[in-house]
């Protein structure tokens, strides 16, 4: 995948830019990739609700679950849908609002220095083959373009916000991802 380092955009991604971002404290400090899992409503795939959530357009009347989340101001840099489509919401030099209260090793506020990648899925549902392939290609491209990233600077939302978050969940195959990244 081609990343335009100037714009911070993935050429192959569908661009659906979110207002839920701001400037990083240091736009050159990109040193972590956070993998998330998301489905809206929970357990449902293949709709436009994630786009709507990240762009503040989620209608709370469309599903009871949306009542609690429609006012959230959240985003991620990327989404890998179950069919392999990549959607980009925030350019990489900007801070996406994906990690919340978080800590990686000794560093708090992971949004400041991370790239958030959402996988369309849920904790106990296996992710698709094409998702792993696309995710590994994205990560390889990110590592190539951003010197602060490598195969050891990838973590799950559950690892930076333990007790608060569980995604990408037990169904996410870290070993499989690592093998694909290194191949």
Protein backbone atom coordinates (compact mmCIF):
# COMPACT_ATOMS: atom_id res chain seq x y z
CA UNK A 1 0.00 0.00 0.00
CA UNK A 2 1.21 3.46 -0.82
CA UNK A 3 1.32 6.10 1.91
CA UNK A 4 1.77 9.70 0.84
CA UNK A 5 3.99 10.90 3.67
CA UNK A 6 3.16 14.56 2.98
CA UNK A 7 -0.62 14.19 3.20
CA UNK A 8 -0.57 11.24 5.63
CA UNK A 9 -3.06 9.37 3.45
CA UNK A 10 -3.17 5.80 2.14
CA UNK A 11 -3.67 5.95 -1.63
CA UNK A 12 -5.77 2.76 -1.75
CA UNK A 13 -8.08 3.79 1.09
CA UNK A 14 -11.54 5.26 0.70
CA UNK A 15 -11.25 8.68 2.33
CA UNK A 16 -14.02 9.56 4.78
CA UNK A 17 -12.41 12.29 6.83
CA UNK A 18 -13.54 12.75 10.42
CA UNK A 19 -13.69 16.04 12.31
CA UNK A 20 -12.66 14.13 15.44
CA UNK A 21 -8.95 14.79 15.35
CA UNK A 22 -6.45 17.48 16.23
CA UNK A 23 -2.75 18.22 16.12
CA UNK A 24 -0.30 15.82 17.72
CA UNK A 25 2.01 17.35 20.36
CA UNK A 26 4.87 16.20 18.08
CA UNK A 27 3.69 15.30 14.56
CA UNK A 28 6.93 13.39 13.97
CA UNK A 29 6.48 11.13 17.02
CA UNK A 30 4.59 8.20 15.55
CA UNK A 31 5.86 5.22 17.50
CA UNK A 32 2.93 2.87 18.17
CA UNK A 33 0.20 1.07 16.23
CA UNK A 34 -2.95 0.23 18.19
CA UNK A 35 -5.25 -2.49 16.84
CA UNK A 36 -8.93 -2.16 17.73
CA UNK A 37 -12.08 -4.13 17.00
CA UNK A 38 -15.44 -2.51 16.28
CA UNK A 39 -18.90 -3.50 15.08
CA UNK A 40 -22.03 -1.39 15.13
CA UNK A 41 -24.38 -2.37 16.49
CA UNK A 42 -22.38 -5.04 18.34
CA UNK A 43 -22.07 -8.19 16.23
CA UNK A 44 -23.36 -6.58 13.03
CA UNK A 45 -21.09 -6.04 10.03
CA UNK A 46 -21.19 -4.50 6.58
CA UNK A 47 -23.13 -1.31 7.23
CA UNK A 48 -22.20 2.39 7.37
CA UNK A 49 -22.61 2.91 11.11
CA UNK A 50 -18.86 3.05 11.81
CA UNK A 51 -18.47 5.84 9.24
CA UNK A 52 -21.39 7.64 10.85
CA UNK A 53 -19.97 7.27 14.38
CA UNK A 54 -16.54 8.61 13.40
CA UNK A 55 -18.13 11.55 11.56
CA UNK A 56 -20.67 12.50 14.27
CA UNK A 57 -23.62 11.42 12.13
CA UNK A 58 -24.89 8.37 14.05
CA UNK A 59 -28.66 8.56 14.52
CA UNK A 60 -29.58 7.37 18.04
CA UNK A 61 -33.05 6.35 16.80
CA UNK A 62 -31.70 3.68 14.41
CA UNK A 63 -30.75 1.20 17.15
CA UNK A 64 -31.13 1.19 20.97
CA UNK A 65 -27.35 0.71 21.39
CA UNK A 66 -26.73 4.00 19.60
CA UNK A 67 -28.42 5.99 22.40
CA UNK A 68 -25.29 5.56 24.55
CA UNK A 69 -22.70 6.28 21.87
CA UNK A 70 -24.18 8.76 19.38
CA UNK A 71 -22.75 11.77 21.24
CA UNK A 72 -19.20 10.38 21.46
CA UNK A 73 -16.49 12.25 19.60
CA UNK A 74 -14.22 9.41 18.49
CA UNK A 75 -12.23 8.42 15.44
CA UNK A 76 -9.48 6.17 14.23
CA UNK A 77 -6.93 6.61 11.50
CA UNK A 78 -8.06 3.54 9.57
CA UNK A 79 -10.74 0.87 9.40
CA UNK A 80 -10.23 -2.52 7.75
CA UNK A 81 -13.68 -3.83 6.87
CA UNK A 82 -14.45 -7.54 6.75
CA UNK A 83 -14.21 -7.56 2.95
CA UNK A 84 -10.74 -5.94 3.08
CA UNK A 85 -11.81 -2.42 2.16
CA UNK A 86 -9.68 0.22 3.89
CA UNK A 87 -11.32 3.43 5.05
CA UNK A 88 -9.22 6.34 6.29
CA UNK A 89 -10.72 8.86 8.70
CA UNK A 90 -7.67 10.81 9.90
CA UNK A 91 -4.33 11.59 8.22
CA UNK A 92 -1.41 10.04 10.09
CA UNK A 93 0.22 13.32 11.08
CA UNK A 94 -2.97 14.20 13.00
CA UNK A 95 -4.06 12.79 16.36
CA UNK A 96 -7.11 10.53 16.04
CA UNK A 97 -9.26 10.04 19.11
CA UNK A 98 -9.17 6.23 19.40
CA UNK A 99 -7.33 5.17 22.55
CA UNK A 100 -8.92 7.23 25.32
CA UNK A 101 -7.34 6.93 28.76
CA UNK A 102 -4.36 4.74 27.89
CA UNK A 103 -0.77 3.83 28.70
CA UNK A 104 1.87 1.99 26.66
CA UNK A 105 4.86 0.92 28.73
CA UNK A 106 5.61 4.16 30.60
CA UNK A 107 3.86 6.57 28.21
CA UNK A 108 0.37 7.88 28.86
CA UNK A 109 -2.01 9.41 26.29
CA UNK A 110 -1.38 6.93 23.47
CA UNK A 111 -3.36 9.04 21.00
CA UNK A 112 -0.44 11.48 21.05
CA UNK A 113 2.01 9.04 19.41
CA UNK A 114 -0.01 6.21 17.89
CA UNK A 115 -1.85 5.21 14.76
CA UNK A 116 -5.21 3.59 15.45
CA UNK A 117 -6.40 0.82 13.14
CA UNK A 118 -9.92 -0.51 13.61
CA UNK A 119 -10.75 -4.02 12.45
CA UNK A 120 -14.44 -4.55 11.69
CA UNK A 121 -15.21 -7.36 14.07
CA UNK A 122 -15.84 -8.29 17.65
CA UNK A 123 -13.93 -10.00 20.43
CA UNK A 124 -15.18 -13.56 19.88
CA UNK A 125 -15.80 -13.62 16.11
CA UNK A 126 -12.80 -14.63 13.96
CA UNK A 127 -11.51 -11.92 11.68
CA UNK A 128 -11.39 -12.68 7.95
CA UNK A 129 -8.40 -13.84 5.91
CA UNK A 130 -8.48 -10.71 3.77
CA UNK A 131 -8.49 -8.51 6.87
CA UNK A 132 -5.24 -10.08 8.08
CA UNK A 133 -3.68 -9.72 4.64
CA UNK A 134 -4.68 -6.07 4.28
CA UNK A 135 -3.71 -5.25 7.88
CA UNK A 136 -0.25 -6.77 7.42
CA UNK A 137 0.27 -4.79 4.19
CA UNK A 138 -0.79 -1.59 5.93
CA UNK A 139 1.57 -2.24 8.84
CA UNK A 140 4.47 -3.04 6.51
CA UNK A 141 3.87 0.24 4.69
CA UNK A 142 3.62 2.19 7.95
CA UNK A 143 6.87 0.67 9.23
CA UNK A 144 8.56 1.62 5.96
CA UNK A 145 7.43 5.27 6.15
CA UNK A 146 7.60 6.03 9.88
CA UNK A 147 10.97 5.28 11.51
CA UNK A 148 9.49 5.08 15.03
CA UNK A 149 7.47 1.99 14.08
CA UNK A 150 8.54 -1.64 13.86
CA UNK A 151 7.02 -5.09 14.34
CA UNK A 152 7.44 -4.71 18.13
CA UNK A 153 5.51 -1.43 18.38
CA UNK A 154 2.10 -2.99 17.68
CA UNK A 155 -0.39 -3.58 20.47
CA UNK A 156 -4.09 -4.07 21.14
CA UNK A 157 -6.51 -1.60 22.66
CA UNK A 158 -6.92 -4.11 25.48
CA UNK A 159 -3.20 -3.80 26.29
CA UNK A 160 -3.12 -0.01 26.59
CA UNK A 161 -6.47 0.27 28.43
CA UNK A 162 -6.69 -2.97 30.47
CA UNK A 163 -9.87 -3.40 32.47
CA UNK A 164 -11.56 -0.78 30.32
CA UNK A 165 -11.22 -2.27 26.83
CA UNK A 166 -11.10 -5.86 25.51
CA UNK A 167 -10.63 -5.33 21.77
CA UNK A 168 -9.50 -6.63 19.36
CA UNK A 169 -10.46 -9.62 21.52
CA UNK A 170 -9.68 -13.30 21.91
CA UNK A 171 -10.54 -14.01 18.27
CA UNK A 172 -7.68 -11.82 17.02
CA UNK A 173 -4.75 -13.99 15.92
CA UNK A 174 -1.60 -12.07 16.87
CA UNK A 175 0.70 -14.91 15.80
CA UNK A 176 -0.84 -14.97 12.34
CA UNK A 177 -0.47 -11.20 11.99
CA UNK A 178 3.18 -11.30 13.09
CA UNK A 179 4.01 -14.02 10.54
CA UNK A 180 2.38 -12.01 7.75
CA UNK A 181 4.21 -8.82 8.72
CA UNK A 182 7.57 -10.59 8.72
CA UNK A 183 6.98 -12.44 5.43
